[in-house]
Amino acid sequence: MATDYDAPRKSEDESESIEALKERVPDKLSGSVDVEDADNPAGFELPGADLSDVELDVVVLPAQQDEFTCASCFLVKHRSQVDHEESYGLICKECSA
């Protein structure tokens, strides 16, 4: 049996007025404000200690001889991950998939 998906789907027993639908759904735009969900960035605190005065020391190493930078995703990968070479550089296996 073929189904006409363009035909109107409303039948007489399923039809409801917009007023009846409004009565069933609670009013989300009422005047009540939930204090927990208020957008207040000043009141947001991370658990744990205050880390605002801590400096992080990170040592950045250049790419090693057995590594390459993918020209598509710009991640440094091992040479075993090379799939092919384009005119603009080496491409890793993940990007070529």
C-alpha atoms as a PDB file:
ATOM      1  CA  MET A   1       0.000   0.000   0.000  1.00  0.00           C
ATOM      2  CA  ALA A   2       1.459   3.353  -1.047  1.00  0.00           C
ATOM      3  CA  THR A   3       1.544   6.242   1.410  1.00  0.00           C
ATOM      4  CA  ASP A   4       1.098   9.816   0.325  1.00  0.00           C
ATOM      5  CA  TYR A   5       3.453  11.753   2.606  1.00  0.00           C
ATOM      6  CA  ASP A   6       2.300  15.088   1.167  1.00  0.00           C
ATOM      7  CA  ALA A   7      -1.309  14.571   2.238  1.00  0.00           C
ATOM      8  CA  PRO A   8      -2.517  16.405   5.355  1.00  0.00           C
ATOM      9  CA  ARG A   9      -2.109  14.249   8.449  1.00  0.00           C
ATOM     10  CA  LYS A  10      -4.773  15.823  10.626  1.00  0.00           C
ATOM     11  CA  SER A  11      -7.911  13.745  10.977  1.00  0.00           C
ATOM     12  CA  GLU A  12     -11.158  14.802  12.622  1.00  0.00           C
ATOM     13  CA  ASP A  13     -10.618  12.821  15.832  1.00  0.00           C
ATOM     14  CA  GLU A  14      -7.034  14.118  16.286  1.00  0.00           C
ATOM     15  CA  SER A  15      -7.737  17.802  15.714  1.00  0.00           C
ATOM     16  CA  GLU A  16      -7.446  20.088  18.727  1.00  0.00           C
ATOM     17  CA  SER A  17      -7.763  23.802  18.946  1.00  0.00           C
ATOM     18  CA  ILE A  18      -4.750  25.929  19.740  1.00  0.00           C
ATOM     19  CA  GLU A  19      -6.442  27.010  22.974  1.00  0.00           C
ATOM     20  CA  ALA A  20      -6.708  23.387  24.146  1.00  0.00           C
ATOM     21  CA  LEU A  21      -3.014  22.856  23.411  1.00  0.00           C
ATOM     22  CA  LYS A  22      -2.055  26.005  25.323  1.00  0.00           C
ATOM     23  CA  GLU A  23      -3.947  24.776  28.375  1.00  0.00           C
ATOM     24  CA  ARG A  24      -2.044  21.473  28.424  1.00  0.00           C
ATOM     25  CA  VAL A  25       1.446  23.012  28.118  1.00  0.00           C
ATOM     26  CA  PRO A  26       2.741  25.009  31.122  1.00  0.00           C
ATOM     27  CA  ASP A  27       3.624  28.614  30.452  1.00  0.00           C
ATOM     28  CA  LYS A  28       7.415  28.790  30.193  1.00  0.00           C
ATOM     29  CA  LEU A  29       7.456  32.549  29.916  1.00  0.00           C
ATOM     30  CA  SER A  30       5.851  33.160  33.283  1.00  0.00           C
ATOM     31  CA  GLY A  31       7.268  35.715  35.702  1.00  0.00           C
ATOM     32  CA  SER A  32       8.996  33.175  37.940  1.00  0.00           C
ATOM     33  CA  VAL A  33      12.794  33.049  37.781  1.00  0.00           C
ATOM     34  CA  ASP A  34      14.774  30.017  38.826  1.00  0.00           C
ATOM     35  CA  VAL A  35      17.650  31.275  40.948  1.00  0.00           C
ATOM     36  CA  GLU A  36      19.778  28.173  40.313  1.00  0.00           C
ATOM     37  CA  ASP A  37      19.661  28.589  36.532  1.00  0.00           C
ATOM     38  CA  ALA A  38      20.264  32.335  36.414  1.00  0.00           C
ATOM     39  CA  ASP A  39      23.166  33.455  34.255  1.00  0.00           C
ATOM     40  CA  ASN A  40      25.485  34.802  36.911  1.00  0.00           C
ATOM     41  CA  PRO A  41      29.139  34.270  36.005  1.00  0.00           C
ATOM     42  CA  ALA A  42      30.309  36.021  39.176  1.00  0.00           C
ATOM     43  CA  GLY A  43      28.609  33.389  41.318  1.00  0.00           C
ATOM     44  CA  PHE A  44      30.194  30.457  39.498  1.00  0.00           C
ATOM     45  CA  GLU A  45      32.980  28.796  41.467  1.00  0.00           C
ATOM     46  CA  LEU A  46      35.107  25.840  40.509  1.00  0.00           C
ATOM     47  CA  PRO A  47      35.554  23.120  43.100  1.00  0.00           C
ATOM     48  CA  GLY A  48      38.961  23.050  44.735  1.00  0.00           C
ATOM     49  CA  ALA A  49      41.560  25.682  45.465  1.00  0.00           C
ATOM     50  CA  ASP A  50      42.019  29.091  43.865  1.00  0.00           C
ATOM     51  CA  LEU A  51      44.461  28.616  40.961  1.00  0.00           C
ATOM     52  CA  SER A  52      44.450  32.159  39.610  1.00  0.00           C
ATOM     53  CA  ASP A  53      48.026  32.882  40.722  1.00  0.00           C
ATOM     54  CA  VAL A  54      49.552  29.609  39.487  1.00  0.00           C
ATOM     55  CA  GLU A  55      51.750  29.656  36.389  1.00  0.00           C
ATOM     56  CA  LEU A  56      52.149  26.542  34.285  1.00  0.00           C
ATOM     57  CA  ASP A  57      55.525  25.701  32.778  1.00  0.00           C
ATOM     58  CA  VAL A  58      55.303  23.747  29.534  1.00  0.00           C
ATOM     59  CA  VAL A  59      58.268  22.600  27.494  1.00  0.00           C
ATOM     60  CA  VAL A  60      57.507  22.553  23.766  1.00  0.00           C
ATOM     61  CA  LEU A  61      59.700  20.269  21.684  1.00  0.00           C
ATOM     62  CA  PRO A  62      60.093  20.636  17.920  1.00  0.00           C
ATOM     63  CA  ALA A  63      58.961  17.781  15.711  1.00  0.00           C
ATOM     64  CA  GLN A  64      61.363  14.843  15.923  1.00  0.00           C
ATOM     65  CA  GLN A  65      62.963  13.114  12.941  1.00  0.00           C
ATOM     66  CA  ASP A  66      60.372  10.308  13.018  1.00  0.00           C
ATOM     67  CA  GLU A  67      57.425  12.736  13.149  1.00  0.00           C
ATOM     68  CA  PHE A  68      55.586  14.928  10.647  1.00  0.00           C
ATOM     69  CA  THR A  69      52.889  17.585  10.769  1.00  0.00           C
ATOM     70  CA  CYS A  70      49.761  16.678   8.829  1.00  0.00           C
ATOM     71  CA  ALA A  71      48.919  19.341   6.265  1.00  0.00           C
ATOM     72  CA  SER A  72      45.193  18.764   6.784  1.00  0.00           C
ATOM     73  CA  CYS A  73      44.653  18.543  10.572  1.00  0.00           C
ATOM     74  CA  PHE A  74      47.989  20.158  11.580  1.00  0.00           C
ATOM     75  CA  LEU A  75      48.684  17.508  14.230  1.00  0.00           C
ATOM     76  CA  VAL A  76      52.173  16.127  14.781  1.00  0.00           C
ATOM     77  CA  LYS A  77      52.093  12.396  14.084  1.00  0.00           C
ATOM     78  CA  HIS A  78      54.532   9.503  13.771  1.00  0.00           C
ATOM     79  CA  ARG A  79      55.883   8.756  10.283  1.00  0.00           C
ATOM     80  CA  SER A  80      54.026   5.428  10.302  1.00  0.00           C
ATOM     81  CA  GLN A  81      50.776   7.445  10.069  1.00  0.00           C
ATOM     82  CA  VAL A  82      51.642   8.988   6.672  1.00  0.00           C
ATOM     83  CA  ASP A  83      49.077   8.024   4.037  1.00  0.00           C
ATOM     84  CA  HIS A  84      50.169  10.076   1.058  1.00  0.00           C
ATOM     85  CA  GLU A  85      51.809  13.346   0.058  1.00  0.00           C
ATOM     86  CA  GLU A  86      49.968  16.233  -1.544  1.00  0.00           C
ATOM     87  CA  SER A  87      51.510  19.256  -3.212  1.00  0.00           C
ATOM     88  CA  TYR A  88      51.045  21.177   0.050  1.00  0.00           C
ATOM     89  CA  GLY A  89      52.477  18.504   2.414  1.00  0.00           C
ATOM     90  CA  LEU A  90      52.048  15.088   4.020  1.00  0.00           C
ATOM     91  CA  ILE A  91      48.558  13.796   4.874  1.00  0.00           C
ATOM     92  CA  CYS A  92      47.877  11.375   7.761  1.00  0.00           C
ATOM     93  CA  LYS A  93      45.787   8.214   7.493  1.00  0.00           C
ATOM     94  CA  GLU A  94      42.916   9.672   9.535  1.00  0.00           C
ATOM     95  CA  CYS A  95      42.483  12.694   7.273  1.00  0.00           C
ATOM     96  CA  SER A  96      42.621  10.658   4.069  1.00  0.00           C
ATOM     97  CA  ALA A  97      39.898   8.255   5.281  1.00  0.00           C
END
